[in-house]
Amino acid sequence: MAKLLLVEDDRNLLKLYKTELELLGAQVVVATDGKMGFEMAKLEKPDMILMDVILPEKIGLSVLKDLKSDAETKSIPVIIVSNFDQGDNPKKAIKLGALAFMSKQQYTPQKVAAEALAALK
């Protein structure tokens, strides 16, 4: 069973993504801010991280940079799932080491869950 860390501050979206991932057989741990997301990644050692960009405490791109700079977490694949897909954010995320950038407007929670788990296979 794949373990995913979901870092999302919107409680409704958090519940939707978590439900869809669990329906597909994933174990899901959650964090509701960037600082907690980094700490949970080190503690839980998930198989993958799904993370928003706009987060309390620390923005997702800063967390991504920290994850990829840390020996314990640098190999964990990260997918950014965000509404903040304008400008350079998708390119920055990929350059910082994200596996993918998914726009919340273009990807339903079901599609995010399916594609994330497919990327682990």
N, C-alpha and C. Protein backbone atom coordinates (compact mmCIF):
# COMPACT_ATOMS: atom_id res chain seq x y z
N MET A 1 0.84 -1.18 0.00
CA MET A 1 0.00 0.00 0.00
C MET A 1 0.89 1.24 0.00
N ALA A 2 0.64 2.13 -0.92
CA ALA A 2 1.41 3.37 -1.02
C ALA A 2 0.98 4.33 0.09
N LYS A 3 1.98 5.01 0.67
CA LYS A 3 1.71 6.04 1.67
C LYS A 3 1.96 7.40 1.04
N LEU A 4 0.95 8.26 1.07
CA LEU A 4 1.07 9.60 0.52
C LEU A 4 0.90 10.64 1.61
N LEU A 5 1.69 11.69 1.52
CA LEU A 5 1.54 12.84 2.39
C LEU A 5 0.81 13.91 1.58
N LEU A 6 -0.29 14.37 2.10
CA LEU A 6 -1.10 15.39 1.46
C LEU A 6 -0.95 16.68 2.26
N VAL A 7 -0.41 17.73 1.62
CA VAL A 7 -0.18 19.01 2.28
C VAL A 7 -1.12 20.03 1.65
N GLU A 8 -2.20 20.33 2.36
CA GLU A 8 -3.27 21.19 1.83
C GLU A 8 -3.93 21.91 3.00
N ASP A 9 -4.11 23.24 2.89
CA ASP A 9 -4.72 24.00 3.97
C ASP A 9 -6.23 24.15 3.83
N ASP A 10 -6.80 23.91 2.67
CA ASP A 10 -8.24 23.98 2.48
C ASP A 10 -8.86 22.67 2.97
N ARG A 11 -9.58 22.75 4.08
CA ARG A 11 -10.12 21.53 4.72
C ARG A 11 -11.04 20.73 3.80
N ASN A 12 -11.85 21.42 2.98
CA ASN A 12 -12.74 20.70 2.07
C ASN A 12 -11.96 19.95 1.00
N LEU A 13 -10.97 20.61 0.41
CA LEU A 13 -10.15 19.93 -0.60
C LEU A 13 -9.33 18.81 0.03
N LEU A 14 -8.83 19.04 1.21
CA LEU A 14 -8.07 18.01 1.92
C LEU A 14 -8.90 16.74 2.06
N LYS A 15 -10.15 16.92 2.47
CA LYS A 15 -11.05 15.77 2.65
C LYS A 15 -11.33 15.08 1.31
N LEU A 16 -11.56 15.87 0.25
CA LEU A 16 -11.82 15.29 -1.07
C LEU A 16 -10.63 14.48 -1.59
N TYR A 17 -9.44 15.07 -1.54
CA TYR A 17 -8.24 14.36 -2.02
C TYR A 17 -7.97 13.11 -1.19
N LYS A 18 -8.10 13.26 0.12
CA LYS A 18 -7.84 12.12 1.01
C LYS A 18 -8.80 10.98 0.71
N THR A 19 -10.08 11.30 0.56
CA THR A 19 -11.08 10.28 0.26
C THR A 19 -10.77 9.56 -1.05
N GLU A 20 -10.46 10.33 -2.10
CA GLU A 20 -10.18 9.72 -3.40
C GLU A 20 -8.94 8.84 -3.35
N LEU A 21 -7.90 9.28 -2.67
CA LEU A 21 -6.68 8.48 -2.55
C LEU A 21 -6.95 7.19 -1.78
N GLU A 22 -7.71 7.30 -0.71
CA GLU A 22 -8.01 6.10 0.08
C GLU A 22 -8.90 5.13 -0.69
N LEU A 23 -9.82 5.64 -1.50
CA LEU A 23 -10.65 4.76 -2.33
C LEU A 23 -9.80 3.95 -3.30
N LEU A 24 -8.67 4.50 -3.69
CA LEU A 24 -7.76 3.80 -4.61
C LEU A 24 -6.72 2.96 -3.87
N GLY A 25 -6.87 2.88 -2.55
CA GLY A 25 -6.03 1.98 -1.77
C GLY A 25 -4.80 2.60 -1.12
N ALA A 26 -4.67 3.91 -1.17
CA ALA A 26 -3.51 4.56 -0.56
C ALA A 26 -3.73 4.81 0.92
N GLN A 27 -2.64 4.81 1.65
CA GLN A 27 -2.64 5.28 3.04
C GLN A 27 -2.29 6.76 2.96
N VAL A 28 -3.05 7.61 3.63
CA VAL A 28 -2.85 9.06 3.51
C VAL A 28 -2.58 9.67 4.88
N VAL A 29 -1.49 10.42 4.97
CA VAL A 29 -1.21 11.25 6.13
C VAL A 29 -1.32 12.69 5.67
N VAL A 30 -1.71 13.59 6.56
CA VAL A 30 -1.99 14.96 6.15
C VAL A 30 -1.22 15.99 6.97
N ALA A 31 -1.01 17.13 6.33
CA ALA A 31 -0.46 18.31 6.99
C ALA A 31 -1.22 19.50 6.43
N THR A 32 -1.45 20.50 7.28
CA THR A 32 -2.26 21.64 6.86
C THR A 32 -1.46 22.93 6.70
N ASP A 33 -0.15 22.86 6.83
CA ASP A 33 0.69 24.02 6.54
C ASP A 33 2.06 23.53 6.06
N GLY A 34 2.83 24.44 5.49
CA GLY A 34 4.10 24.06 4.89
C GLY A 34 5.12 23.54 5.89
N LYS A 35 5.22 24.18 7.03
CA LYS A 35 6.18 23.74 8.05
C LYS A 35 5.85 22.33 8.52
N MET A 36 4.56 22.08 8.79
CA MET A 36 4.12 20.75 9.20
C MET A 36 4.36 19.74 8.09
N GLY A 37 4.17 20.15 6.84
CA GLY A 37 4.40 19.26 5.72
C GLY A 37 5.84 18.75 5.68
N PHE A 38 6.79 19.65 5.87
CA PHE A 38 8.20 19.26 5.87
C PHE A 38 8.49 18.31 7.03
N GLU A 39 7.97 18.64 8.21
CA GLU A 39 8.19 17.79 9.38
C GLU A 39 7.57 16.41 9.20
N MET A 40 6.36 16.37 8.63
CA MET A 40 5.69 15.08 8.40
C MET A 40 6.43 14.24 7.36
N ALA A 41 7.00 14.89 6.37
CA ALA A 41 7.77 14.16 5.36
C ALA A 41 8.95 13.45 6.00
N LYS A 42 9.64 14.14 6.89
CA LYS A 42 10.79 13.53 7.57
C LYS A 42 10.36 12.42 8.52
N LEU A 43 9.24 12.62 9.19
CA LEU A 43 8.75 11.65 10.16
C LEU A 43 8.13 10.42 9.51
N GLU A 44 7.27 10.64 8.52
CA GLU A 44 6.48 9.56 7.93
C GLU A 44 7.16 8.84 6.76
N LYS A 45 8.12 9.49 6.11
CA LYS A 45 8.80 8.92 4.93
C LYS A 45 7.79 8.38 3.91
N PRO A 46 6.90 9.26 3.40
CA PRO A 46 5.88 8.80 2.45
C PRO A 46 6.49 8.39 1.11
N ASP A 47 5.73 7.64 0.34
CA ASP A 47 6.15 7.25 -1.00
C ASP A 47 6.02 8.42 -1.97
N MET A 48 5.15 9.37 -1.65
CA MET A 48 4.93 10.54 -2.50
C MET A 48 4.30 11.65 -1.66
N ILE A 49 4.52 12.89 -2.12
CA ILE A 49 3.91 14.05 -1.48
C ILE A 49 3.08 14.81 -2.51
N LEU A 50 1.85 15.12 -2.16
CA LEU A 50 0.98 16.00 -2.95
C LEU A 50 0.86 17.29 -2.16
N MET A 51 1.25 18.43 -2.76
CA MET A 51 1.34 19.66 -1.99
C MET A 51 0.83 20.87 -2.76
N ASP A 52 0.11 21.72 -2.05
CA ASP A 52 -0.35 23.00 -2.58
C ASP A 52 0.82 23.98 -2.59
N VAL A 53 0.66 25.10 -3.30
CA VAL A 53 1.68 26.16 -3.31
C VAL A 53 1.41 27.16 -2.19
N ILE A 54 0.18 27.65 -2.12
CA ILE A 54 -0.17 28.66 -1.12
C ILE A 54 -0.55 27.95 0.17
N LEU A 55 0.35 28.03 1.15
CA LEU A 55 0.16 27.36 2.44
C LEU A 55 0.53 28.31 3.57
N PRO A 56 -0.11 28.16 4.73
CA PRO A 56 0.32 28.92 5.90
C PRO A 56 1.72 28.45 6.35
N GLU A 57 2.38 29.29 7.11
CA GLU A 57 3.68 29.02 7.71
C GLU A 57 4.84 29.05 6.71
N LYS A 58 4.68 28.34 5.58
CA LYS A 58 5.75 28.27 4.58
C LYS A 58 5.14 27.86 3.26
N ILE A 59 5.42 28.61 2.19
CA ILE A 59 4.80 28.29 0.91
C ILE A 59 5.36 26.99 0.34
N GLY A 60 4.54 26.36 -0.49
CA GLY A 60 4.88 25.05 -1.04
C GLY A 60 6.19 25.00 -1.80
N LEU A 61 6.50 26.02 -2.59
CA LEU A 61 7.75 25.99 -3.35
C LEU A 61 8.96 26.06 -2.42
N SER A 62 8.85 26.76 -1.31
CA SER A 62 9.95 26.77 -0.33
C SER A 62 10.08 25.41 0.35
N VAL A 63 8.96 24.79 0.65
CA VAL A 63 8.98 23.45 1.24
C VAL A 63 9.61 22.47 0.24
N LEU A 64 9.22 22.58 -1.03
CA LEU A 64 9.79 21.71 -2.06
C LEU A 64 11.30 21.86 -2.12
N LYS A 65 11.78 23.08 -2.09
CA LYS A 65 13.23 23.33 -2.11
C LYS A 65 13.90 22.68 -0.90
N ASP A 66 13.29 22.82 0.28
CA ASP A 66 13.85 22.21 1.48
C ASP A 66 13.83 20.69 1.40
N LEU A 67 12.74 20.13 0.87
CA LEU A 67 12.65 18.67 0.73
C LEU A 67 13.75 18.13 -0.17
N LYS A 68 13.99 18.81 -1.27
CA LYS A 68 14.98 18.35 -2.25
C LYS A 68 16.41 18.62 -1.80
N SER A 69 16.58 19.46 -0.77
CA SER A 69 17.91 19.75 -0.23
C SER A 69 18.26 18.88 0.97
N ASP A 70 17.31 18.15 1.46
CA ASP A 70 17.49 17.33 2.67
C ASP A 70 17.76 15.87 2.28
N ALA A 71 18.81 15.30 2.82
CA ALA A 71 19.20 13.93 2.48
C ALA A 71 18.09 12.92 2.77
N GLU A 72 17.30 13.16 3.82
CA GLU A 72 16.25 12.21 4.20
C GLU A 72 15.03 12.26 3.28
N THR A 73 14.81 13.37 2.60
CA THR A 73 13.58 13.55 1.84
C THR A 73 13.79 13.82 0.35
N LYS A 74 15.01 13.98 -0.08
CA LYS A 74 15.25 14.41 -1.47
C LYS A 74 14.75 13.42 -2.52
N SER A 75 14.66 12.15 -2.17
CA SER A 75 14.22 11.16 -3.17
C SER A 75 12.71 10.95 -3.20
N ILE A 76 11.97 11.61 -2.32
CA ILE A 76 10.51 11.46 -2.30
C ILE A 76 9.92 12.27 -3.46
N PRO A 77 9.16 11.64 -4.36
CA PRO A 77 8.52 12.39 -5.44
C PRO A 77 7.47 13.36 -4.90
N VAL A 78 7.44 14.55 -5.47
CA VAL A 78 6.50 15.58 -5.05
C VAL A 78 5.70 16.04 -6.27
N ILE A 79 4.39 16.06 -6.12
CA ILE A 79 3.51 16.63 -7.13
C ILE A 79 2.86 17.86 -6.51
N ILE A 80 2.99 18.99 -7.20
CA ILE A 80 2.35 20.22 -6.76
C ILE A 80 0.95 20.26 -7.36
N VAL A 81 -0.05 20.49 -6.49
CA VAL A 81 -1.44 20.58 -6.90
C VAL A 81 -1.95 21.94 -6.40
N SER A 82 -2.19 22.87 -7.34
CA SER A 82 -2.45 24.24 -6.90
C SER A 82 -3.33 25.01 -7.87
N ASN A 83 -4.03 26.01 -7.35
CA ASN A 83 -4.72 26.99 -8.18
C ASN A 83 -3.75 28.05 -8.67
N PHE A 84 -2.62 28.13 -8.04
CA PHE A 84 -1.63 29.17 -8.32
C PHE A 84 -0.74 28.72 -9.48
N ASP A 85 -1.37 28.54 -10.66
CA ASP A 85 -0.65 27.99 -11.81
C ASP A 85 -0.29 29.04 -12.85
N GLN A 86 -0.43 30.32 -12.49
CA GLN A 86 -0.08 31.38 -13.43
C GLN A 86 1.42 31.68 -13.33
N GLY A 87 1.92 32.37 -14.34
CA GLY A 87 3.31 32.81 -14.31
C GLY A 87 4.29 31.66 -14.34
N ASP A 88 5.34 31.81 -13.56
CA ASP A 88 6.44 30.85 -13.57
C ASP A 88 6.29 29.70 -12.59
N ASN A 89 5.21 29.67 -11.81
CA ASN A 89 5.11 28.65 -10.77
C ASN A 89 5.26 27.22 -11.27
N PRO A 90 4.58 26.81 -12.35
CA PRO A 90 4.80 25.43 -12.82
C PRO A 90 6.26 25.16 -13.21
N LYS A 91 6.88 26.10 -13.91
CA LYS A 91 8.29 25.92 -14.31
C LYS A 91 9.21 25.90 -13.09
N LYS A 92 8.95 26.78 -12.13
CA LYS A 92 9.76 26.82 -10.90
C LYS A 92 9.65 25.50 -10.15
N ALA A 93 8.43 24.98 -10.06
CA ALA A 93 8.22 23.73 -9.33
C ALA A 93 9.01 22.58 -9.97
N ILE A 94 8.96 22.48 -11.28
CA ILE A 94 9.70 21.42 -11.98
C ILE A 94 11.20 21.63 -11.81
N LYS A 95 11.65 22.87 -11.93
CA LYS A 95 13.08 23.17 -11.77
C LYS A 95 13.56 22.83 -10.36
N LEU A 96 12.70 23.02 -9.36
CA LEU A 96 13.06 22.71 -7.98
C LEU A 96 13.00 21.21 -7.68
N GLY A 97 12.46 20.43 -8.62
CA GLY A 97 12.46 18.98 -8.43
C GLY A 97 11.11 18.31 -8.35
N ALA A 98 10.03 19.07 -8.57
CA ALA A 98 8.70 18.44 -8.55
C ALA A 98 8.56 17.48 -9.72
N LEU A 99 7.87 16.39 -9.49
CA LEU A 99 7.59 15.42 -10.54
C LEU A 99 6.60 16.00 -11.55
N ALA A 100 5.63 16.78 -11.05
CA ALA A 100 4.60 17.37 -11.91
C ALA A 100 3.95 18.54 -11.19
N PHE A 101 3.24 19.35 -11.98
CA PHE A 101 2.44 20.46 -11.45
C PHE A 101 1.05 20.29 -12.02
N MET A 102 0.05 20.10 -11.16
CA MET A 102 -1.33 19.91 -11.59
C MET A 102 -2.17 21.10 -11.15
N SER A 103 -2.89 21.68 -12.08
CA SER A 103 -3.78 22.80 -11.78
C SER A 103 -5.09 22.26 -11.21
N LYS A 104 -5.52 22.84 -10.09
CA LYS A 104 -6.78 22.40 -9.48
C LYS A 104 -7.97 22.67 -10.40
N GLN A 105 -7.85 23.66 -11.30
CA GLN A 105 -8.95 23.93 -12.23
C GLN A 105 -9.04 22.86 -13.32
N GLN A 106 -7.93 22.21 -13.63
CA GLN A 106 -7.90 21.24 -14.72
C GLN A 106 -7.97 19.79 -14.26
N TYR A 107 -7.65 19.55 -12.99
CA TYR A 107 -7.59 18.18 -12.48
C TYR A 107 -8.58 18.02 -11.33
N THR A 108 -9.55 17.13 -11.50
CA THR A 108 -10.47 16.82 -10.41
C THR A 108 -9.72 16.05 -9.33
N PRO A 109 -10.24 16.01 -8.11
CA PRO A 109 -9.59 15.19 -7.09
C PRO A 109 -9.43 13.72 -7.52
N GLN A 110 -10.40 13.19 -8.25
CA GLN A 110 -10.31 11.81 -8.73
C GLN A 110 -9.12 11.65 -9.69
N LYS A 111 -8.95 12.62 -10.58
CA LYS A 111 -7.86 12.55 -11.56
C LYS A 111 -6.50 12.75 -10.88
N VAL A 112 -6.43 13.65 -9.92
CA VAL A 112 -5.19 13.85 -9.17
C VAL A 112 -4.79 12.55 -8.48
N ALA A 113 -5.75 11.92 -7.80
CA ALA A 113 -5.47 10.67 -7.09
C ALA A 113 -5.01 9.59 -8.04
N ALA A 114 -5.72 9.41 -9.14
CA ALA A 114 -5.38 8.35 -10.10
C ALA A 114 -4.00 8.58 -10.71
N GLU A 115 -3.71 9.82 -11.10
CA GLU A 115 -2.42 10.09 -11.73
C GLU A 115 -1.26 10.00 -10.73
N ALA A 116 -1.50 10.43 -9.51
CA ALA A 116 -0.45 10.33 -8.49
C ALA A 116 -0.09 8.88 -8.23
N LEU A 117 -1.09 8.04 -8.05
CA LEU A 117 -0.82 6.63 -7.79
C LEU A 117 -0.24 5.93 -9.01
N ALA A 118 -0.65 6.32 -10.21
CA ALA A 118 -0.08 5.74 -11.42
C ALA A 118 1.40 6.10 -11.54
N ALA A 119 1.78 7.29 -11.08
CA ALA A 119 3.18 7.71 -11.17
C ALA A 119 4.08 6.89 -10.24
N LEU A 120 3.50 6.27 -9.24
CA LEU A 120 4.28 5.45 -8.31
C LEU A 120 4.56 4.04 -8.86
N LYS A 121 3.85 3.67 -9.89
CA LYS A 121 4.01 2.30 -10.41
C LYS A 121 5.17 2.19 -11.37
